[in-house]
Amino acid sequence: MNNNLIKNIEFSTVLNMESLVEYGEGKVISRTLSQGKASSVTLFAFDKDEEISSHSSSGDAMVHILDGEAQITVGDEIFNVKKGEVIVMPSGVPHALLATEKFKMLLIVIFKQD
């Protein structure tokens, strides 16, 4: 039985995070690396003009842009976030993402534990 908490990625190997998810024409591609009650870690690749519409999460969500650029709305504020930059979207606040060009991101969500 596999007891690893991280999945879909090689262990004990140096990897380039950006290369672990590929672009798809007209698509949003995702690769889940970890999913649990306390947190989730997912890689995404968005083709230009693809989006995730406004929604809120029960956890704080941190986006690290690995490639390209995205327009990220948090509440009523709009941010243009580029490769190498990070933004945190607080729990309970509506947020949305739009690929102003192709972009890849690492999404980490931390959920409150009672």
N, C-alpha and C. Protein backbone atom coordinates (compact mmCIF):
# COMPACT_ATOMS: atom_id res chain seq x y z
N MET A 1 0.84 -1.18 0.00
CA MET A 1 0.00 0.00 0.00
C MET A 1 0.88 1.24 0.00
N ASN A 2 0.50 2.25 -0.81
CA ASN A 2 1.23 3.49 -0.92
C ASN A 2 0.74 4.46 0.15
N ASN A 3 1.61 4.90 1.04
CA ASN A 3 1.24 5.83 2.11
C ASN A 3 1.69 7.26 1.83
N ASN A 4 2.12 7.55 0.61
CA ASN A 4 2.59 8.89 0.27
C ASN A 4 1.45 9.89 0.33
N LEU A 5 1.71 11.05 0.88
CA LEU A 5 0.72 12.12 0.96
C LEU A 5 0.74 12.99 -0.29
N ILE A 6 1.85 12.97 -1.00
CA ILE A 6 1.98 13.69 -2.26
C ILE A 6 1.90 12.65 -3.38
N LYS A 7 1.16 12.98 -4.45
CA LYS A 7 0.96 12.01 -5.54
C LYS A 7 1.22 12.68 -6.90
N ASN A 8 1.25 11.87 -7.93
CA ASN A 8 1.38 12.33 -9.31
C ASN A 8 2.65 13.12 -9.58
N ILE A 9 3.71 12.79 -8.83
CA ILE A 9 5.00 13.45 -9.00
C ILE A 9 6.09 12.47 -8.53
N GLU A 10 7.24 12.52 -9.20
CA GLU A 10 8.34 11.63 -8.82
C GLU A 10 8.95 12.06 -7.49
N PHE A 11 9.33 11.10 -6.69
CA PHE A 11 10.01 11.35 -5.42
C PHE A 11 11.52 11.26 -5.62
N SER A 12 12.27 11.92 -4.76
CA SER A 12 13.74 11.89 -4.74
C SER A 12 14.32 12.21 -6.10
N THR A 13 13.71 13.18 -6.79
CA THR A 13 14.15 13.62 -8.11
C THR A 13 14.01 15.13 -8.18
N VAL A 14 15.00 15.80 -8.75
CA VAL A 14 14.91 17.24 -8.95
C VAL A 14 14.05 17.48 -10.19
N LEU A 15 12.99 18.28 -10.03
CA LEU A 15 12.04 18.52 -11.11
C LEU A 15 11.84 20.01 -11.32
N ASN A 16 11.42 20.38 -12.52
CA ASN A 16 11.03 21.75 -12.83
C ASN A 16 9.51 21.79 -12.73
N MET A 17 9.00 22.51 -11.72
CA MET A 17 7.56 22.54 -11.44
C MET A 17 6.75 22.95 -12.67
N GLU A 18 7.23 23.94 -13.40
CA GLU A 18 6.52 24.44 -14.57
C GLU A 18 6.31 23.36 -15.63
N SER A 19 7.24 22.42 -15.74
CA SER A 19 7.14 21.40 -16.79
C SER A 19 6.23 20.23 -16.41
N LEU A 20 5.68 20.24 -15.21
CA LEU A 20 4.86 19.11 -14.76
C LEU A 20 3.41 19.17 -15.23
N VAL A 21 3.03 20.25 -15.89
CA VAL A 21 1.68 20.36 -16.45
C VAL A 21 1.82 21.06 -17.81
N GLU A 22 1.14 20.52 -18.81
CA GLU A 22 1.25 21.03 -20.18
C GLU A 22 0.02 21.83 -20.57
N TYR A 23 0.20 22.77 -21.48
CA TYR A 23 -0.92 23.52 -22.02
C TYR A 23 -1.76 22.66 -22.96
N GLY A 24 -3.05 22.94 -23.01
CA GLY A 24 -3.96 22.30 -23.96
C GLY A 24 -4.78 23.38 -24.64
N GLU A 25 -4.88 23.32 -25.95
CA GLU A 25 -5.60 24.36 -26.70
C GLU A 25 -7.05 24.45 -26.24
N GLY A 26 -7.45 25.65 -25.80
CA GLY A 26 -8.81 25.89 -25.35
C GLY A 26 -9.17 25.18 -24.05
N LYS A 27 -8.16 24.83 -23.25
CA LYS A 27 -8.42 24.03 -22.05
C LYS A 27 -7.74 24.61 -20.81
N VAL A 28 -8.25 24.15 -19.68
CA VAL A 28 -7.59 24.31 -18.40
C VAL A 28 -7.19 22.90 -17.98
N ILE A 29 -5.92 22.66 -17.82
CA ILE A 29 -5.40 21.34 -17.44
C ILE A 29 -4.95 21.41 -15.98
N SER A 30 -5.29 20.39 -15.20
CA SER A 30 -4.86 20.37 -13.80
C SER A 30 -4.18 19.05 -13.46
N ARG A 31 -3.32 19.13 -12.45
CA ARG A 31 -2.62 17.95 -11.94
C ARG A 31 -2.58 18.07 -10.42
N THR A 32 -3.35 17.25 -9.75
CA THR A 32 -3.42 17.28 -8.29
C THR A 32 -2.19 16.61 -7.71
N LEU A 33 -1.51 17.32 -6.81
CA LEU A 33 -0.32 16.77 -6.15
C LEU A 33 -0.63 16.31 -4.73
N SER A 34 -1.65 16.91 -4.11
CA SER A 34 -2.05 16.49 -2.77
C SER A 34 -3.47 16.98 -2.52
N GLN A 35 -4.27 16.15 -1.86
CA GLN A 35 -5.65 16.52 -1.54
C GLN A 35 -6.00 15.90 -0.19
N GLY A 36 -6.41 16.75 0.74
CA GLY A 36 -6.77 16.25 2.06
C GLY A 36 -7.66 17.23 2.79
N LYS A 37 -8.02 16.91 4.03
CA LYS A 37 -8.87 17.79 4.82
C LYS A 37 -8.18 19.10 5.15
N ALA A 38 -6.87 19.07 5.36
CA ALA A 38 -6.13 20.26 5.80
C ALA A 38 -5.63 21.12 4.65
N SER A 39 -5.39 20.50 3.49
CA SER A 39 -4.80 21.26 2.39
C SER A 39 -4.98 20.56 1.06
N SER A 40 -4.78 21.34 -0.01
CA SER A 40 -4.71 20.77 -1.35
C SER A 40 -3.63 21.51 -2.12
N VAL A 41 -2.96 20.79 -3.02
CA VAL A 41 -1.91 21.36 -3.85
C VAL A 41 -2.17 20.88 -5.28
N THR A 42 -2.35 21.84 -6.20
CA THR A 42 -2.69 21.50 -7.58
C THR A 42 -1.94 22.40 -8.54
N LEU A 43 -1.43 21.80 -9.61
CA LEU A 43 -0.83 22.54 -10.72
C LEU A 43 -1.89 22.77 -11.79
N PHE A 44 -1.87 23.93 -12.41
CA PHE A 44 -2.81 24.25 -13.48
C PHE A 44 -2.07 24.85 -14.66
N ALA A 45 -2.57 24.59 -15.87
CA ALA A 45 -2.14 25.26 -17.09
C ALA A 45 -3.39 25.77 -17.79
N PHE A 46 -3.46 27.07 -18.03
CA PHE A 46 -4.60 27.71 -18.68
C PHE A 46 -4.20 28.18 -20.07
N ASP A 47 -5.00 27.87 -21.07
CA ASP A 47 -4.80 28.46 -22.38
C ASP A 47 -5.30 29.91 -22.31
N LYS A 48 -4.83 30.75 -23.21
CA LYS A 48 -5.23 32.16 -23.25
C LYS A 48 -6.76 32.26 -23.30
N ASP A 49 -7.29 33.18 -22.53
CA ASP A 49 -8.72 33.50 -22.45
C ASP A 49 -9.54 32.47 -21.67
N GLU A 50 -8.92 31.40 -21.17
CA GLU A 50 -9.65 30.47 -20.31
C GLU A 50 -9.76 31.10 -18.92
N GLU A 51 -10.75 30.66 -18.15
CA GLU A 51 -10.97 31.29 -16.85
C GLU A 51 -11.63 30.35 -15.86
N ILE A 52 -11.56 30.75 -14.61
CA ILE A 52 -12.36 30.14 -13.55
C ILE A 52 -13.23 31.29 -13.04
N SER A 53 -14.54 31.12 -13.13
CA SER A 53 -15.46 32.19 -12.75
C SER A 53 -15.44 32.41 -11.25
N SER A 54 -16.03 33.52 -10.85
CA SER A 54 -16.03 33.93 -9.45
C SER A 54 -16.63 32.86 -8.54
N HIS A 55 -15.92 32.57 -7.47
CA HIS A 55 -16.34 31.60 -6.47
C HIS A 55 -15.60 31.91 -5.18
N SER A 56 -15.96 31.27 -4.11
CA SER A 56 -15.21 31.43 -2.86
C SER A 56 -14.83 30.05 -2.35
N SER A 57 -13.87 30.03 -1.45
CA SER A 57 -13.36 28.79 -0.90
C SER A 57 -13.43 28.85 0.62
N SER A 58 -13.52 27.69 1.24
CA SER A 58 -13.51 27.64 2.70
C SER A 58 -12.09 27.65 3.25
N GLY A 59 -11.09 27.75 2.36
CA GLY A 59 -9.70 27.82 2.77
C GLY A 59 -8.99 29.01 2.15
N ASP A 60 -7.87 29.41 2.74
CA ASP A 60 -7.02 30.44 2.14
C ASP A 60 -6.30 29.82 0.95
N ALA A 61 -6.35 30.50 -0.19
CA ALA A 61 -5.76 29.97 -1.42
C ALA A 61 -4.59 30.84 -1.85
N MET A 62 -3.43 30.22 -2.06
CA MET A 62 -2.25 30.93 -2.53
C MET A 62 -1.93 30.47 -3.95
N VAL A 63 -1.79 31.42 -4.86
CA VAL A 63 -1.46 31.14 -6.25
C VAL A 63 -0.04 31.64 -6.51
N HIS A 64 0.80 30.75 -7.04
CA HIS A 64 2.15 31.11 -7.48
C HIS A 64 2.17 30.93 -8.99
N ILE A 65 2.37 32.03 -9.73
CA ILE A 65 2.41 31.97 -11.19
C ILE A 65 3.77 31.42 -11.63
N LEU A 66 3.73 30.31 -12.36
CA LEU A 66 4.95 29.63 -12.82
C LEU A 66 5.36 30.05 -14.22
N ASP A 67 4.37 30.52 -15.02
CA ASP A 67 4.62 30.91 -16.40
C ASP A 67 3.48 31.81 -16.83
N GLY A 68 3.78 32.80 -17.66
CA GLY A 68 2.74 33.64 -18.23
C GLY A 68 2.18 34.68 -17.28
N GLU A 69 0.91 35.03 -17.51
CA GLU A 69 0.28 36.09 -16.75
C GLU A 69 -1.22 35.85 -16.66
N ALA A 70 -1.80 36.24 -15.52
CA ALA A 70 -3.24 36.09 -15.30
C ALA A 70 -3.80 37.33 -14.65
N GLN A 71 -5.07 37.57 -14.92
CA GLN A 71 -5.81 38.60 -14.21
C GLN A 71 -6.59 37.89 -13.11
N ILE A 72 -6.30 38.25 -11.87
CA ILE A 72 -6.93 37.59 -10.73
C ILE A 72 -7.74 38.63 -9.97
N THR A 73 -9.01 38.33 -9.79
CA THR A 73 -9.90 39.22 -9.05
C THR A 73 -10.09 38.64 -7.66
N VAL A 74 -9.88 39.48 -6.65
CA VAL A 74 -10.09 39.09 -5.25
C VAL A 74 -11.04 40.13 -4.66
N GLY A 75 -12.25 39.70 -4.34
CA GLY A 75 -13.26 40.66 -3.91
C GLY A 75 -13.54 41.62 -5.05
N ASP A 76 -13.34 42.92 -4.82
CA ASP A 76 -13.56 43.94 -5.84
C ASP A 76 -12.26 44.43 -6.49
N GLU A 77 -11.14 43.83 -6.12
CA GLU A 77 -9.84 44.27 -6.66
C GLU A 77 -9.37 43.35 -7.77
N ILE A 78 -8.75 43.94 -8.80
CA ILE A 78 -8.21 43.18 -9.93
C ILE A 78 -6.69 43.32 -9.91
N PHE A 79 -6.00 42.18 -10.04
CA PHE A 79 -4.54 42.14 -10.02
C PHE A 79 -4.05 41.46 -11.29
N ASN A 80 -3.00 42.00 -11.89
CA ASN A 80 -2.32 41.33 -13.00
C ASN A 80 -1.09 40.67 -12.40
N VAL A 81 -1.10 39.35 -12.35
CA VAL A 81 -0.06 38.58 -11.67
C VAL A 81 0.78 37.86 -12.72
N LYS A 82 2.10 38.00 -12.61
CA LYS A 82 3.03 37.49 -13.62
C LYS A 82 3.92 36.39 -13.06
N LYS A 83 4.61 35.73 -13.99
CA LYS A 83 5.56 34.67 -13.64
C LYS A 83 6.44 35.10 -12.48
N GLY A 84 6.52 34.22 -11.47
CA GLY A 84 7.34 34.47 -10.31
C GLY A 84 6.61 35.16 -9.17
N GLU A 85 5.40 35.65 -9.43
CA GLU A 85 4.66 36.38 -8.40
C GLU A 85 3.63 35.47 -7.72
N VAL A 86 3.24 35.89 -6.52
CA VAL A 86 2.31 35.12 -5.68
C VAL A 86 1.21 36.06 -5.20
N ILE A 87 0.00 35.53 -5.08
CA ILE A 87 -1.11 36.26 -4.48
C ILE A 87 -1.89 35.30 -3.59
N VAL A 88 -2.38 35.81 -2.46
CA VAL A 88 -3.19 35.00 -1.56
C VAL A 88 -4.62 35.51 -1.60
N MET A 89 -5.55 34.57 -1.74
CA MET A 89 -6.97 34.86 -1.77
C MET A 89 -7.57 34.32 -0.48
N PRO A 90 -8.05 35.21 0.41
CA PRO A 90 -8.54 34.75 1.71
C PRO A 90 -9.82 33.93 1.61
N SER A 91 -10.00 33.04 2.56
CA SER A 91 -11.21 32.21 2.58
C SER A 91 -12.45 33.09 2.68
N GLY A 92 -13.51 32.65 2.03
CA GLY A 92 -14.79 33.34 2.09
C GLY A 92 -14.90 34.56 1.20
N VAL A 93 -13.82 34.97 0.54
CA VAL A 93 -13.86 36.13 -0.35
C VAL A 93 -13.93 35.64 -1.79
N PRO A 94 -14.92 36.10 -2.56
CA PRO A 94 -15.03 35.66 -3.96
C PRO A 94 -13.76 36.03 -4.74
N HIS A 95 -13.35 35.11 -5.61
CA HIS A 95 -12.20 35.35 -6.46
C HIS A 95 -12.40 34.65 -7.80
N ALA A 96 -11.68 35.14 -8.82
CA ALA A 96 -11.79 34.60 -10.17
C ALA A 96 -10.43 34.73 -10.85
N LEU A 97 -10.20 33.91 -11.89
CA LEU A 97 -8.96 33.95 -12.64
C LEU A 97 -9.26 33.98 -14.13
N LEU A 98 -8.50 34.81 -14.87
CA LEU A 98 -8.62 34.90 -16.32
C LEU A 98 -7.22 34.88 -16.91
N ALA A 99 -7.01 34.00 -17.89
CA ALA A 99 -5.70 33.91 -18.55
C ALA A 99 -5.61 35.02 -19.60
N THR A 100 -4.89 36.09 -19.28
CA THR A 100 -4.68 37.16 -20.25
C THR A 100 -3.68 36.72 -21.33
N GLU A 101 -2.92 35.70 -21.01
CA GLU A 101 -2.07 34.94 -21.94
C GLU A 101 -1.97 33.55 -21.33
N LYS A 102 -1.40 32.61 -22.04
CA LYS A 102 -1.23 31.28 -21.44
C LYS A 102 -0.51 31.44 -20.11
N PHE A 103 -0.96 30.70 -19.10
CA PHE A 103 -0.24 30.75 -17.84
C PHE A 103 -0.36 29.44 -17.08
N LYS A 104 0.63 29.20 -16.23
CA LYS A 104 0.66 28.04 -15.34
C LYS A 104 0.75 28.53 -13.91
N MET A 105 0.09 27.80 -13.02
CA MET A 105 0.15 28.20 -11.62
C MET A 105 0.17 26.98 -10.71
N LEU A 106 0.74 27.21 -9.53
CA LEU A 106 0.66 26.25 -8.45
C LEU A 106 -0.33 26.83 -7.45
N LEU A 107 -1.37 26.07 -7.16
CA LEU A 107 -2.41 26.50 -6.21
C LEU A 107 -2.27 25.68 -4.93
N ILE A 108 -2.13 26.40 -3.81
CA ILE A 108 -2.07 25.76 -2.49
C ILE A 108 -3.23 26.32 -1.68
N VAL A 109 -4.09 25.44 -1.18
CA VAL A 109 -5.22 25.86 -0.36
C VAL A 109 -5.06 25.23 1.02
N ILE A 110 -5.15 26.06 2.04
CA ILE A 110 -5.04 25.62 3.43
C ILE A 110 -6.41 25.81 4.08
N PHE A 111 -6.95 24.73 4.64
CA PHE A 111 -8.27 24.75 5.24
C PHE A 111 -8.15 24.78 6.76
N LYS A 112 -9.08 25.48 7.41
CA LYS A 112 -9.13 25.56 8.87
C LYS A 112 -9.47 24.19 9.43
N GLN A 113 -8.76 23.81 10.46
CA GLN A 113 -9.03 22.54 11.15
C GLN A 113 -9.62 22.84 12.52
N ASP A 114 -10.74 22.22 12.83
CA ASP A 114 -11.39 22.44 14.13
C ASP A 114 -10.81 21.57 15.21
